[in-house]
């Protein structure tokens, strides 16, 4: 009986291990951080978005104060960043990207906010831990030979506005000119793009503050309307996949195509979709070579989603427990019968 109990214990531990392992979820906890919380005008600051682990594709909205910072570069290449949206994928569908860093140049004093939202990482639980950071921009300061004591009084140089009361303040114009650098014209309707260009021109030509103030509310990229566009490659691919069995293709090629479909379906801008459309073809699928029965079993389990794995694990555990109970009943009856026979022989 001692051996039987040990055997039961091993089986129960095995069942619990299956449940725990099958219930594990691959999750990405994404955070945003800054290389410095304070910078001076003219200096650069790095903003890093960290995924917590290497991923094969990622997309998210990236917002920043365009009145205080100018975009400089992106660690994966500027073609992956449109000025407000980041989209990247691995051509080989290999998880290689664990973080992306954006570089910005401070241009105006004050506190600017950097934030991320609408995160999409295929086949991951898209959790955002830290969604925003603030960076304060200050004016550059100077000192004389590092000596801060007994400094002579210096009369501040009057600002251009103080020197010339007729100077026009055009901060909105400066901000929209910086913001539009990262935008792609084809992503927006021709009418709204043209209206913004005309507003910029009027702002540049304004000769009085009153004339400038009359059009400054038009100087924002928020007035741009996103252009609608068709997704023929995506629609054709979805039609081609009808009736196709996932079991026929390698897991990597099938998953890579599913990632492309998800990103393309969520693409709001034409430029985002254009990056992905070459991957939207059934020709990217690779058929499996005939493998052993063991390979087929492995492929079957890998093809299950999280809920199916949990259900299967619970089913296996229940079946094992039922078998254990049946074995115990049989052994108990045999033991009872053996004891009864032993008593009669005495």
Protein backbone atom coordinates (compact mmCIF):
# COMPACT_ATOMS: atom_id res chain seq x y z
CA UNK A 1 0.00 0.00 0.00
CA UNK A 2 2.91 2.34 0.65
CA UNK A 3 4.05 2.00 -2.96
CA UNK A 4 0.52 2.73 -4.14
CA UNK A 5 0.40 5.94 -2.09
CA UNK A 6 3.74 7.06 -3.51
CA UNK A 7 2.48 6.37 -7.00
CA UNK A 8 -0.68 8.40 -6.33
CA UNK A 9 1.36 11.32 -5.00
CA UNK A 10 3.53 11.38 -8.14
CA UNK A 11 0.45 11.35 -10.37
CA UNK A 12 -1.21 14.18 -8.43
CA UNK A 13 1.95 16.32 -8.65
CA UNK A 14 2.08 15.61 -12.37
CA UNK A 15 -1.54 16.75 -12.77
CA UNK A 16 -0.93 19.99 -10.88
CA UNK A 17 2.17 20.69 -12.99
CA UNK A 18 0.12 20.31 -16.18
CA UNK A 19 -2.49 22.77 -14.91
CA UNK A 20 0.11 25.34 -13.84
CA UNK A 21 2.10 25.13 -17.05
CA UNK A 22 -0.96 25.18 -19.29
CA UNK A 23 -2.33 28.23 -17.51
CA UNK A 24 0.77 30.33 -17.99
CA UNK A 25 0.19 33.31 -20.26
CA UNK A 26 2.88 34.98 -22.30
CA UNK A 27 2.61 38.60 -21.28
CA UNK A 28 4.37 41.78 -22.27
CA UNK A 29 4.61 44.56 -19.68
CA UNK A 30 5.56 47.64 -21.67
CA UNK A 31 7.06 50.71 -20.00
CA UNK A 32 8.32 54.12 -21.10
CA UNK A 33 11.32 55.82 -19.53
CA UNK A 34 13.48 58.90 -20.16
CA UNK A 35 17.24 59.36 -20.11
CA UNK A 36 16.81 62.60 -18.14
CA UNK A 37 13.96 64.31 -16.32
CA UNK A 38 15.47 67.76 -16.96
CA UNK A 39 17.27 69.16 -20.00
CA UNK A 40 18.15 72.59 -21.32
CA UNK A 41 17.07 74.16 -24.58
CA UNK A 42 19.09 72.81 -27.48
CA UNK A 43 20.00 69.53 -25.77
CA UNK A 44 18.69 66.10 -26.70
CA UNK A 45 16.80 63.58 -24.57
CA UNK A 46 16.15 59.89 -25.23
CA UNK A 47 12.77 58.26 -24.63
CA UNK A 48 12.84 54.46 -24.49
CA UNK A 49 9.84 52.15 -24.80
CA UNK A 50 10.67 48.73 -23.30
CA UNK A 51 8.54 45.64 -24.04
CA UNK A 52 9.89 43.49 -21.20
CA UNK A 53 10.98 40.76 -23.64
CA UNK A 54 11.92 40.37 -27.29
CA UNK A 55 8.97 40.62 -29.69
CA UNK A 56 8.54 39.92 -33.41
CA UNK A 57 6.16 42.82 -34.09
CA UNK A 58 4.84 45.88 -32.27
CA UNK A 59 2.62 48.87 -32.88
CA UNK A 60 1.62 51.75 -30.59
CA UNK A 61 0.61 55.40 -30.61
CA UNK A 62 3.38 57.74 -29.44
CA UNK A 63 2.47 61.26 -28.33
CA UNK A 64 4.75 64.10 -27.30
CA UNK A 65 4.66 67.86 -26.79
CA UNK A 66 5.61 69.12 -30.24
CA UNK A 67 5.76 72.70 -29.00
CA UNK A 68 8.68 71.89 -26.72
CA UNK A 69 10.49 69.07 -28.55
CA UNK A 70 11.58 68.29 -32.11
CA UNK A 71 11.82 64.66 -33.26
CA UNK A 72 15.39 63.67 -34.20
CA UNK A 73 15.60 59.91 -34.73
CA UNK A 74 14.28 56.42 -33.94
CA UNK A 75 16.55 53.47 -33.10
CA UNK A 76 14.77 51.13 -35.55
CA UNK A 77 14.74 53.70 -38.37
CA UNK A 78 12.56 56.72 -39.08
CA UNK A 79 10.50 54.69 -41.57
CA UNK A 80 8.90 52.95 -38.56
CA UNK A 81 7.71 56.21 -36.97
CA UNK A 82 5.19 58.52 -38.63
CA UNK A 83 5.33 61.23 -35.97
CA UNK A 84 2.44 59.84 -33.95
CA UNK A 85 2.45 56.08 -34.62
CA UNK A 86 5.22 53.47 -34.34
CA UNK A 87 4.94 50.20 -36.31
CA UNK A 88 7.66 47.55 -36.65
CA UNK A 89 7.84 43.88 -37.54
CA UNK A 90 10.60 41.33 -38.04
CA UNK A 91 10.85 40.21 -41.71
CA UNK A 92 11.66 36.70 -40.45
CA UNK A 93 9.06 36.84 -37.64
CA UNK A 94 11.88 36.33 -35.13
CA UNK A 95 11.52 38.03 -31.72
CA UNK A 96 14.49 40.43 -31.79
CA UNK A 97 13.11 43.78 -30.58
CA UNK A 98 13.02 44.29 -26.80
CA UNK A 99 12.96 48.11 -26.80
CA UNK A 100 12.91 51.12 -29.11
CA UNK A 101 14.51 54.51 -28.37
CA UNK A 102 13.39 57.87 -29.73
CA UNK A 103 15.64 60.94 -29.63
CA UNK A 104 14.22 64.46 -29.31
CA UNK A 105 15.73 67.93 -29.15
CA UNK A 106 14.43 70.45 -26.61
CA UNK A 107 13.42 73.77 -28.13
CA UNK A 108 11.18 75.59 -25.63
CA UNK A 109 11.05 75.88 -21.85
CA UNK A 110 8.41 74.15 -19.76
CA UNK A 111 7.38 70.58 -19.00
CA UNK A 112 6.58 68.24 -21.89
CA UNK A 113 4.82 64.90 -21.70
CA UNK A 114 5.72 61.74 -23.63
CA UNK A 115 3.14 58.92 -23.64
CA UNK A 116 2.23 55.64 -25.35
CA UNK A 117 -1.18 54.05 -25.95
CA UNK A 118 -3.05 51.59 -28.19
CA UNK A 119 -0.30 48.98 -27.83
CA UNK A 120 -0.52 45.95 -30.11
CA UNK A 121 1.95 43.06 -29.75
CA UNK A 122 0.57 39.96 -31.52
CA UNK A 123 -0.01 36.89 -29.33
CA UNK A 124 0.86 38.76 -26.15
CA UNK A 125 -1.11 40.22 -23.27
CA UNK A 126 -0.58 43.89 -24.09
CA UNK A 127 -0.14 45.43 -20.65
CA UNK A 128 1.26 48.95 -20.31
CA UNK A 129 3.00 49.46 -16.98
CA UNK A 130 4.28 53.04 -17.20
CA UNK A 131 2.40 54.88 -19.95
CA UNK A 132 3.93 58.37 -19.72
CA UNK A 133 6.94 60.39 -18.54
CA UNK A 134 7.53 64.11 -18.14
CA UNK A 135 10.64 66.05 -19.12
CA UNK A 136 11.27 69.63 -17.97
CA UNK A 137 13.12 72.00 -20.29
CA UNK A 138 15.02 74.94 -18.80
CA UNK A 139 16.99 77.79 -20.31
CA UNK A 140 20.73 77.34 -20.58
CA UNK A 141 22.68 78.85 -17.68
CA UNK A 142 26.24 80.13 -17.66
CA UNK A 143 28.82 80.76 -14.97
CA UNK A 144 32.13 82.61 -14.83
CA UNK A 145 35.03 80.15 -14.28
CA UNK A 146 32.78 78.09 -12.04
CA UNK A 147 32.83 80.87 -9.37
CA UNK A 148 29.32 81.55 -8.08
CA UNK A 149 30.41 83.95 -5.31
CA UNK A 150 30.69 87.73 -5.64
CA UNK A 151 29.31 87.73 -9.16
CA UNK A 152 28.97 91.19 -10.66
CA UNK A 153 25.48 92.32 -11.43
CA UNK A 154 24.57 91.87 -15.05
CA UNK A 155 21.73 93.81 -16.60
CA UNK A 156 19.53 91.34 -18.52
CA UNK A 157 19.42 91.87 -22.24
CA UNK A 158 15.89 92.87 -23.25
CA UNK A 159 14.00 90.24 -25.17
CA UNK A 160 13.13 90.90 -28.80
CA UNK A 161 9.56 91.64 -27.70
CA UNK A 162 10.80 94.24 -25.20
CA UNK A 163 13.14 95.79 -27.75
CA UNK A 164 10.43 95.91 -30.38
CA UNK A 165 6.82 96.01 -29.18
CA UNK A 166 5.67 95.26 -32.72
CA UNK A 167 7.31 91.81 -32.72
CA UNK A 168 4.78 89.03 -33.46
CA UNK A 169 4.70 85.89 -31.30
CA UNK A 170 4.15 82.86 -33.54
CA UNK A 171 4.57 79.90 -31.19
CA UNK A 172 1.70 77.93 -32.81
CA UNK A 173 3.33 78.32 -36.21
CA UNK A 174 6.66 77.04 -34.88
CA UNK A 175 4.94 74.06 -33.26
CA UNK A 176 2.94 72.99 -36.31
CA UNK A 177 5.96 73.34 -38.62
CA UNK A 178 7.91 70.99 -36.33
CA UNK A 179 5.01 68.54 -36.02
CA UNK A 180 4.30 68.27 -39.72
CA UNK A 181 7.86 67.10 -40.46
CA UNK A 182 7.04 63.58 -39.27
CA UNK A 183 3.73 63.34 -41.15
CA UNK A 184 3.04 61.81 -44.56
CA UNK A 185 0.72 63.77 -46.82
CA UNK A 186 -1.03 60.69 -48.28
CA UNK A 187 -2.25 59.71 -44.80
CA UNK A 188 -4.65 62.66 -44.75
CA UNK A 189 -7.41 64.04 -46.94
CA UNK A 190 -6.19 66.46 -49.65
CA UNK A 191 -8.61 69.13 -48.43
CA UNK A 192 -7.44 69.11 -44.79
CA UNK A 193 -3.78 68.93 -45.81
CA UNK A 194 -4.20 71.86 -48.20
CA UNK A 195 -6.07 73.88 -45.55
CA UNK A 196 -3.22 73.37 -43.10
CA UNK A 197 -0.64 74.38 -45.70
CA UNK A 198 -2.61 77.55 -46.45
CA UNK A 199 -2.88 78.34 -42.74
CA UNK A 200 0.88 77.91 -42.36
CA UNK A 201 1.49 80.24 -45.28
CA UNK A 202 -0.86 82.86 -43.83
CA UNK A 203 0.87 82.56 -40.47
CA UNK A 204 4.25 83.09 -42.12
CA UNK A 205 2.97 86.13 -44.03
CA UNK A 206 1.19 87.73 -41.07
CA UNK A 207 2.67 91.19 -40.37
CA UNK A 208 0.67 92.07 -37.25
CA UNK A 209 -0.21 90.18 -34.09
CA UNK A 210 -3.89 90.77 -34.78
CA UNK A 211 -3.61 89.26 -38.26
CA UNK A 212 -1.73 86.25 -36.88
CA UNK A 213 -4.16 85.72 -33.99
CA UNK A 214 -7.07 85.50 -36.44
CA UNK A 215 -5.69 82.29 -37.98
CA UNK A 216 -3.59 80.73 -35.20
CA UNK A 217 -6.34 78.27 -34.20
CA UNK A 218 -5.89 76.69 -37.64
CA UNK A 219 -2.21 76.02 -36.95
CA UNK A 220 -2.49 72.52 -35.50
CA UNK A 221 -2.21 69.03 -36.94
CA UNK A 222 -5.39 68.17 -35.03
CA UNK A 223 -7.27 69.76 -37.92
CA UNK A 224 -5.96 67.11 -40.30
CA UNK A 225 -8.48 64.43 -41.27
CA UNK A 226 -7.21 60.88 -41.75
CA UNK A 227 -7.83 59.69 -45.30
CA UNK A 228 -9.87 56.54 -45.77
CA UNK A 229 -8.24 53.83 -47.85
CA UNK A 230 -8.94 50.33 -49.09
CA UNK A 231 -7.10 47.20 -48.01
CA UNK A 232 -7.35 44.96 -51.11
CA UNK A 233 -4.33 42.80 -50.22
CA UNK A 234 -5.77 42.06 -46.77
CA UNK A 235 -9.23 41.29 -48.12
CA UNK A 236 -7.82 38.99 -50.82
CA UNK A 237 -5.67 37.17 -48.27
CA UNK A 238 -8.65 36.55 -46.00
CA UNK A 239 -10.53 35.07 -48.96
CA UNK A 240 -7.54 32.88 -49.86
CA UNK A 241 -7.31 31.55 -46.31
CA UNK A 242 -10.88 30.32 -46.28
CA UNK A 243 -10.84 26.53 -46.12
CA UNK A 244 -7.08 26.39 -45.49
CA UNK A 245 -5.93 24.18 -42.63
CA UNK A 246 -3.29 25.51 -40.25
CA UNK A 247 -1.99 21.97 -39.76
CA UNK A 248 -0.74 21.96 -43.34
CA UNK A 249 1.78 24.77 -42.78
CA UNK A 250 4.75 25.38 -40.50
CA UNK A 251 3.97 27.13 -37.24
CA UNK A 252 6.42 30.00 -37.89
CA UNK A 253 5.04 30.87 -41.34
CA UNK A 254 1.44 30.62 -40.16
CA UNK A 255 2.08 32.79 -37.10
CA UNK A 256 4.00 35.36 -39.13
CA UNK A 257 1.05 35.70 -41.50
CA UNK A 258 -1.40 36.02 -38.58
CA UNK A 259 0.76 38.80 -37.08
CA UNK A 260 0.74 40.66 -40.39
CA UNK A 261 -3.05 40.29 -40.65
CA UNK A 262 -3.58 41.67 -37.14
CA UNK A 263 -1.31 44.67 -37.69
CA UNK A 264 -2.80 45.43 -41.11
CA UNK A 265 -6.33 45.18 -39.77
CA UNK A 266 -5.47 47.71 -37.04
CA UNK A 267 -3.62 50.10 -39.38
CA UNK A 268 -5.33 53.50 -39.33
CA UNK A 269 -2.93 55.31 -41.66
CA UNK A 270 -2.11 54.40 -45.25
CA UNK A 271 1.63 54.58 -44.52
CA UNK A 272 1.23 51.99 -41.74
CA UNK A 273 -0.62 49.66 -44.09
CA UNK A 274 1.93 50.16 -46.89
CA UNK A 275 4.68 48.84 -44.59
CA UNK A 276 2.76 45.59 -44.13
CA UNK A 277 1.05 44.88 -47.44
CA UNK A 278 3.97 42.91 -48.97
CA UNK A 279 3.53 40.34 -46.17
CA UNK A 280 -0.19 39.93 -46.89
CA UNK A 281 0.07 37.00 -49.26
CA UNK A 282 -0.73 33.33 -48.89
CA UNK A 283 2.52 32.63 -50.76
CA UNK A 284 4.40 33.45 -47.54
CA UNK A 285 3.07 30.23 -45.98
CA UNK A 286 5.48 27.29 -45.95
CA UNK A 287 4.05 23.78 -46.16
CA UNK A 288 5.16 21.24 -43.61
CA UNK A 289 7.32 18.30 -44.52
CA UNK A 290 5.91 14.93 -43.60
CA UNK A 291 7.05 14.23 -40.07
CA UNK A 292 6.77 11.46 -37.50
CA UNK A 293 3.72 10.80 -35.36
CA UNK A 294 5.49 12.49 -32.46
CA UNK A 295 5.99 15.66 -34.54
CA UNK A 296 2.29 15.66 -35.38
CA UNK A 297 1.40 15.38 -31.69
CA UNK A 298 3.76 18.28 -30.86
CA UNK A 299 2.26 20.39 -33.65
CA UNK A 300 -1.22 19.61 -32.37
CA UNK A 301 -0.44 20.88 -28.86
CA UNK A 302 1.39 23.95 -30.18
CA UNK A 303 -1.61 24.81 -32.31
CA UNK A 304 -3.93 25.04 -29.31
CA UNK A 305 -4.74 28.42 -27.84
CA UNK A 306 -4.56 29.18 -24.12
CA UNK A 307 -8.16 28.21 -23.31
CA UNK A 308 -7.91 24.97 -25.27
CA UNK A 309 -4.71 24.01 -23.46
CA UNK A 310 -6.31 24.64 -20.07
CA UNK A 311 -9.39 22.60 -21.04
CA UNK A 312 -7.24 19.74 -22.32
CA UNK A 313 -5.05 19.80 -19.19
CA UNK A 314 -8.08 19.70 -16.92
CA UNK A 315 -9.54 16.84 -18.96
CA UNK A 316 -6.31 14.86 -18.69
CA UNK A 317 -6.14 15.47 -14.94
CA UNK A 318 -9.75 14.36 -14.43
CA UNK A 319 -9.10 11.22 -16.48
CA UNK A 320 -5.97 10.44 -14.44
CA UNK A 321 -7.84 10.94 -11.16
CA UNK A 322 -10.64 8.62 -12.31
CA UNK A 323 -8.04 5.97 -13.23
CA UNK A 324 -6.41 6.38 -9.80
CA UNK A 325 -9.77 5.92 -8.07
CA UNK A 326 -10.52 2.79 -10.12
CA UNK A 327 -7.08 1.35 -9.36
CA UNK A 328 -7.55 2.05 -5.64
CA UNK A 329 -10.94 0.36 -5.61
CA UNK A 330 -9.55 -2.74 -7.38
CA UNK A 331 -6.52 -2.89 -5.09
CA UNK A 332 -8.69 -2.38 -2.03
CA UNK A 333 -10.97 -5.26 -3.00
CA UNK A 334 -8.01 -7.52 -3.69
CA UNK A 335 -6.45 -6.61 -0.36
CA UNK A 336 -9.74 -7.22 1.45
CA UNK A 337 -10.20 -10.58 -0.26
CA UNK A 338 -6.62 -11.60 0.56
CA UNK A 339 -7.12 -10.71 4.22
CA UNK A 340 -10.39 -12.70 4.31
CA UNK A 341 -8.65 -15.77 2.83
CA UNK A 342 -5.82 -15.44 5.32
CA UNK A 343 -8.30 -15.45 8.22
CA UNK A 344 -10.02 -18.61 6.93
CA UNK A 345 -6.69 -20.41 6.61
CA UNK A 346 -5.94 -19.62 10.23
